[in-house]
Amino acid sequence: MINFSVLGSLELRSEDGVHVPPGTKVRKLLALLLLRANQVVDTGTVTEELWDGRPAPGGAAILRTHVYHLRRSLPAGTATVTTEPTGYLLSVDPEQLDATVFARRVEEGRALVRQDRMEEAAQHLREALDLWRGRVLANTSAGPVLSRHITYLEELRHHAVELRVEADMRLGRHRELVPELRSLIAADPLSEWYHDQLITALHRSGRRGEALTAYHDLRRLLDEELGLQPSERAQRLQHEILMADGPRGAHPFARPRPVRAAS
């Protein structure tokens, strides 16, 4: 049912296919209204996004022109843009926007983790993450307002990955997680949480020597990049691996932190 995609390039989908609104300002306007869907976006916020808060002379008329072209670009029956006393409102079914569906599925996955329903949680979170097609609004030049929304969505994606890894860890999928965790560390090498999960997954897979090597890699990285030592949690994990007779001695992973919505 999704007709509007922002988790990747900005795209509109209809029976006629996939297309992108022409014009940089029109794309930015659509992205802003989509990420504030079913809310009135005041003209000040629109101005901040389109012109960094400094509209050119005749900005009100130019804005009306952009809104006109946006309305013409929307496939029939997908969404409507109305002019309100204080700004503009894009009315759309929340299920038509991938970012909204993503956020809902992450919240459902988080609730299932809290309920210890790990298999369902992992499935919900995989479905959420499968909606991503690349960098948020990859074909749109983001101004200050959109940049805040992009940061929020990227942080929520990071949180969803952590929750899904947690669910899979608690389901005992340690061996399957090792390659993915190595890939996540390559993309985000300073995330101690990912390193902790890799060390734990290796140990619980019976790969004690590799787990200790992964800890030493973390210690060296933090020292070289930040001049820091591993957290107390990571140090306890190393100690418990050294003292353990088998993988059951591995320290439990830390719970991911929730992500606050963009303002």
Protein backbone atom coordinates (compact mmCIF):
# COMPACT_ATOMS: atom_id res chain seq x y z
CA MET A 1 0.00 0.00 0.00
CA ILE A 2 2.97 2.33 0.43
CA ASN A 3 2.79 5.22 -2.05
CA PHE A 4 5.43 7.55 -0.61
CA SER A 5 8.99 6.53 0.18
CA VAL A 6 11.61 8.57 2.02
CA LEU A 7 13.76 5.73 3.39
CA GLY A 8 16.03 6.03 0.39
CA SER A 9 15.33 8.32 -2.55
CA LEU A 10 12.11 10.33 -2.35
CA GLU A 11 9.63 8.49 -4.56
CA LEU A 12 5.91 8.55 -5.37
CA ARG A 13 4.25 5.33 -6.48
CA SER A 14 0.98 4.95 -8.34
CA GLU A 15 -0.63 2.73 -10.95
CA ASP A 16 1.41 4.64 -13.53
CA GLY A 17 4.68 3.64 -11.92
CA VAL A 18 7.31 5.34 -9.78
CA HIS A 19 8.20 8.98 -10.24
CA VAL A 20 9.89 11.87 -8.45
CA PRO A 21 8.53 15.43 -8.36
CA PRO A 22 10.63 17.74 -10.55
CA GLY A 23 12.41 20.65 -8.96
CA THR A 24 14.61 20.84 -5.88
CA LYS A 25 12.24 23.06 -3.88
CA VAL A 26 9.17 20.97 -4.72
CA ARG A 27 10.93 17.80 -3.54
CA LYS A 28 12.01 19.49 -0.31
CA LEU A 29 8.47 20.76 0.25
CA LEU A 30 6.97 17.31 -0.31
CA ALA A 31 9.53 15.66 1.98
CA LEU A 32 8.81 18.18 4.74
CA LEU A 33 5.05 17.77 4.47
CA LEU A 34 5.36 13.98 4.38
CA LEU A 35 7.50 13.88 7.51
CA ARG A 36 4.92 16.13 9.20
CA ALA A 37 2.00 14.32 7.55
CA ASN A 38 -1.49 15.14 8.83
CA GLN A 39 -0.11 18.14 10.74
CA VAL A 40 -0.21 21.79 9.74
CA VAL A 41 3.31 22.92 8.89
CA ASP A 42 3.52 26.65 9.49
CA THR A 43 4.97 28.91 6.83
CA GLY A 44 7.89 29.84 9.09
CA THR A 45 9.01 26.19 9.19
CA VAL A 46 8.58 25.89 5.42
CA THR A 47 10.62 29.06 4.92
CA GLU A 48 13.34 27.76 7.25
CA GLU A 49 13.59 24.57 5.21
CA LEU A 50 13.37 25.97 1.69
CA TRP A 51 15.39 29.17 2.13
CA ASP A 52 17.21 28.71 5.46
CA GLY A 53 14.80 31.22 7.00
CA ARG A 54 15.64 33.97 4.46
CA PRO A 55 13.12 33.92 1.57
CA ALA A 56 13.89 35.93 -1.51
CA PRO A 57 11.71 38.95 -2.34
CA GLY A 58 8.31 37.71 -3.39
CA GLY A 59 8.84 34.57 -1.32
CA ALA A 60 5.14 34.15 -0.49
CA ALA A 61 4.20 34.08 -4.16
CA ILE A 62 7.09 31.74 -4.96
CA LEU A 63 5.98 29.41 -2.17
CA ARG A 64 2.44 29.34 -3.55
CA THR A 65 3.91 28.40 -6.92
CA HIS A 66 5.85 25.51 -5.38
CA VAL A 67 2.70 24.30 -3.61
CA TYR A 68 0.81 24.48 -6.91
CA HIS A 69 3.41 22.35 -8.67
CA LEU A 70 3.45 19.91 -5.75
CA ARG A 71 -0.31 19.43 -5.95
CA ARG A 72 -0.05 18.72 -9.65
CA SER A 73 2.67 16.12 -9.06
CA LEU A 74 0.68 14.04 -6.56
CA PRO A 75 -0.95 10.93 -8.07
CA ALA A 76 -4.73 11.09 -7.87
CA GLY A 77 -6.18 9.58 -4.71
CA THR A 78 -2.88 9.31 -2.81
CA ALA A 79 -2.72 12.56 -0.82
CA THR A 80 -3.96 16.14 -0.78
CA VAL A 81 -2.29 19.41 0.17
CA THR A 82 -4.54 22.08 1.67
CA THR A 83 -3.76 25.69 2.53
CA GLU A 84 -4.47 26.51 6.16
CA PRO A 85 -4.48 29.91 7.90
CA THR A 86 -0.99 29.31 9.31
CA GLY A 87 0.58 27.02 6.75
CA TYR A 88 0.04 23.84 4.76
CA LEU A 89 -1.37 20.39 5.53
CA LEU A 90 -0.68 17.17 3.64
CA SER A 91 -3.42 14.61 4.34
CA VAL A 92 -2.36 11.02 3.77
CA ASP A 93 -3.12 7.58 5.16
CA PRO A 94 -0.21 6.82 7.54
CA GLU A 95 0.11 3.37 5.95
CA GLN A 96 1.06 5.07 2.67
CA LEU A 97 4.37 6.44 4.03
CA ASP A 98 7.28 4.07 4.61
CA ALA A 99 8.74 6.15 7.46
CA THR A 100 5.49 5.95 9.42
CA VAL A 101 5.17 2.21 8.85
CA PHE A 102 8.81 1.76 9.86
CA ALA A 103 8.39 3.68 13.13
CA ARG A 104 5.22 1.73 14.00
CA ARG A 105 6.86 -1.65 13.38
CA VAL A 106 9.89 -0.67 15.45
CA GLU A 107 7.62 0.28 18.35
CA GLU A 108 5.76 -3.03 17.99
CA GLY A 109 9.09 -4.87 17.95
CA ARG A 110 10.22 -3.02 21.07
CA ALA A 111 6.99 -3.98 22.86
CA LEU A 112 7.44 -7.63 21.86
CA VAL A 113 11.01 -7.62 23.22
CA ARG A 114 9.70 -6.30 26.54
CA GLN A 115 7.14 -9.13 26.53
CA ASP A 116 9.91 -11.68 25.86
CA ARG A 117 8.27 -12.68 22.54
CA MET A 118 11.58 -12.77 20.74
CA GLU A 119 10.65 -14.64 17.58
CA GLU A 120 7.83 -12.22 16.81
CA ALA A 121 10.00 -9.27 17.78
CA ALA A 122 12.78 -10.29 15.41
CA GLN A 123 10.28 -10.73 12.57
CA HIS A 124 8.67 -7.31 13.14
CA LEU A 125 12.06 -5.63 13.27
CA ARG A 126 13.27 -7.37 10.09
CA GLU A 127 10.14 -6.20 8.28
CA ALA A 128 10.78 -2.67 9.53
CA LEU A 129 14.41 -2.67 8.41
CA ASP A 130 13.50 -4.15 5.01
CA LEU A 131 11.70 -0.89 4.20
CA TRP A 132 15.03 0.91 3.94
CA ARG A 133 16.39 1.34 0.40
CA GLY A 134 19.36 3.56 1.19
CA ARG A 135 20.15 6.94 2.75
CA VAL A 136 17.07 8.93 3.82
CA LEU A 137 15.96 11.36 1.07
CA ALA A 138 19.04 10.49 -0.95
CA ASN A 139 17.85 12.52 -3.97
CA THR A 140 16.76 15.57 -1.95
CA SER A 141 18.89 18.45 -0.69
CA ALA A 142 17.97 18.66 2.99
CA GLY A 143 17.77 21.98 4.80
CA PRO A 144 17.85 22.46 8.57
CA VAL A 145 14.38 21.06 9.29
CA LEU A 146 14.69 17.96 7.12
CA SER A 147 18.18 17.33 8.52
CA ARG A 148 16.68 16.95 11.99
CA HIS A 149 14.13 14.45 10.71
CA ILE A 150 16.85 12.53 8.86
CA THR A 151 18.95 12.31 12.02
CA TYR A 152 15.96 10.96 13.96
CA LEU A 153 15.16 8.30 11.35
CA GLU A 154 18.78 7.19 11.14
CA GLU A 155 18.98 6.91 14.94
CA LEU A 156 15.73 4.94 14.97
CA ARG A 157 17.13 2.59 12.34
CA HIS A 158 20.25 2.09 14.46
CA HIS A 159 18.03 1.33 17.46
CA ALA A 160 15.96 -1.13 15.41
CA VAL A 161 19.12 -3.00 14.40
CA GLU A 162 20.18 -3.20 18.06
CA LEU A 163 16.76 -4.49 19.11
CA ARG A 164 16.78 -7.11 16.36
CA VAL A 165 20.27 -8.24 17.30
CA GLU A 166 19.14 -8.48 20.93
CA ALA A 167 16.15 -10.62 19.93
CA ASP A 168 18.32 -12.94 17.83
CA MET A 169 20.91 -13.21 20.60
CA ARG A 170 18.23 -14.22 23.06
CA LEU A 171 17.00 -16.79 20.54
CA GLY A 172 20.47 -18.36 20.55
CA ARG A 173 21.42 -17.36 16.99
CA HIS A 174 24.98 -16.56 17.97
CA ARG A 175 26.77 -18.21 15.06
CA GLU A 176 24.47 -16.56 12.50
CA LEU A 177 25.07 -13.15 14.03
CA VAL A 178 28.87 -13.17 13.90
CA PRO A 179 29.23 -12.14 10.21
CA GLU A 180 26.55 -9.46 10.55
CA LEU A 181 28.14 -8.03 13.69
CA ARG A 182 31.52 -7.84 11.95
CA SER A 183 29.84 -5.92 9.13
CA LEU A 184 28.10 -3.57 11.58
CA ILE A 185 31.41 -2.88 13.32
CA ALA A 186 33.07 -2.14 9.98
CA ALA A 187 30.36 0.49 9.33
CA ASP A 188 30.37 1.87 12.89
CA PRO A 189 33.70 0.93 14.45
CA LEU A 190 33.31 3.06 17.60
CA SER A 191 30.06 1.43 18.70
CA GLU A 192 31.05 -0.48 21.84
CA TRP A 193 27.62 -2.11 21.89
CA TYR A 194 28.29 -3.90 18.61
CA HIS A 195 31.73 -4.97 19.82
CA ASP A 196 30.20 -6.35 23.03
CA GLN A 197 27.68 -8.36 21.05
CA LEU A 198 30.39 -9.75 18.76
CA ILE A 199 32.51 -10.81 21.74
CA THR A 200 29.47 -12.44 23.35
CA ALA A 201 28.36 -14.14 20.12
CA LEU A 202 31.83 -15.55 19.50
CA HIS A 203 32.10 -16.88 23.05
CA ARG A 204 28.64 -18.43 22.99
CA SER A 205 29.57 -20.08 19.70
CA GLY A 206 32.49 -21.78 21.41
CA ARG A 207 35.05 -19.47 19.76
CA ARG A 208 36.71 -18.32 22.98
CA GLY A 209 40.04 -17.33 21.45
CA GLU A 210 38.34 -15.22 18.78
CA ALA A 211 36.19 -13.60 21.45
CA LEU A 212 39.30 -12.52 23.37
CA THR A 213 40.89 -11.28 20.14
CA ALA A 214 37.76 -9.21 19.46
CA TYR A 215 38.09 -7.67 22.94
CA HIS A 216 41.74 -6.76 22.31
CA ASP A 217 40.76 -5.26 18.95
CA LEU A 218 38.20 -3.08 20.75
CA ARG A 219 40.74 -2.01 23.37
CA ARG A 220 43.32 -1.07 20.73
CA LEU A 221 40.75 0.83 18.64
CA LEU A 222 39.45 2.89 21.56
CA ASP A 223 42.98 3.70 22.70
CA GLU A 224 44.15 4.77 19.23
CA GLU A 225 41.04 6.73 18.25
CA LEU A 226 39.83 8.20 21.54
CA GLY A 227 42.49 7.58 24.15
CA LEU A 228 39.95 5.54 26.15
CA GLN A 229 39.74 2.11 27.72
CA PRO A 230 36.81 -0.26 27.14
CA SER A 231 33.79 0.22 29.38
CA GLU A 232 33.48 -1.64 32.67
CA ARG A 233 30.91 -3.89 31.03
CA ALA A 234 33.36 -4.91 28.29
CA GLN A 235 36.12 -5.47 30.84
CA ARG A 236 33.83 -7.67 32.93
CA LEU A 237 32.96 -9.60 29.81
CA GLN A 238 36.62 -10.23 29.08
CA HIS A 239 37.23 -11.35 32.68
CA GLU A 240 34.26 -13.72 32.64
CA ILE A 241 35.40 -15.25 29.35
CA LEU A 242 38.85 -15.83 30.83
CA MET A 243 37.35 -17.42 33.93
CA ALA A 244 34.57 -19.39 32.23
CA ASP A 245 34.73 -23.07 31.39
CA GLY A 246 32.31 -22.68 28.46
CA PRO A 247 30.08 -20.30 26.56
CA ARG A 248 27.49 -20.15 29.36
CA GLY A 249 29.77 -17.84 31.30
CA ALA A 250 29.37 -15.02 28.77
CA HIS A 251 28.06 -11.74 30.10
CA PRO A 252 24.53 -10.80 28.97
CA PHE A 253 24.21 -8.02 26.41
CA ALA A 254 23.09 -4.51 27.31
CA ARG A 255 19.58 -3.36 26.41
CA PRO A 256 19.51 -0.78 23.57
CA ARG A 257 18.37 2.70 24.50
CA PRO A 258 15.08 4.09 23.08
CA VAL A 259 15.16 6.90 20.51
CA ARG A 260 13.35 10.21 20.97
CA ALA A 261 11.22 11.54 18.11
CA ALA A 262 12.41 14.53 16.07
CA SER A 263 10.92 17.89 16.98
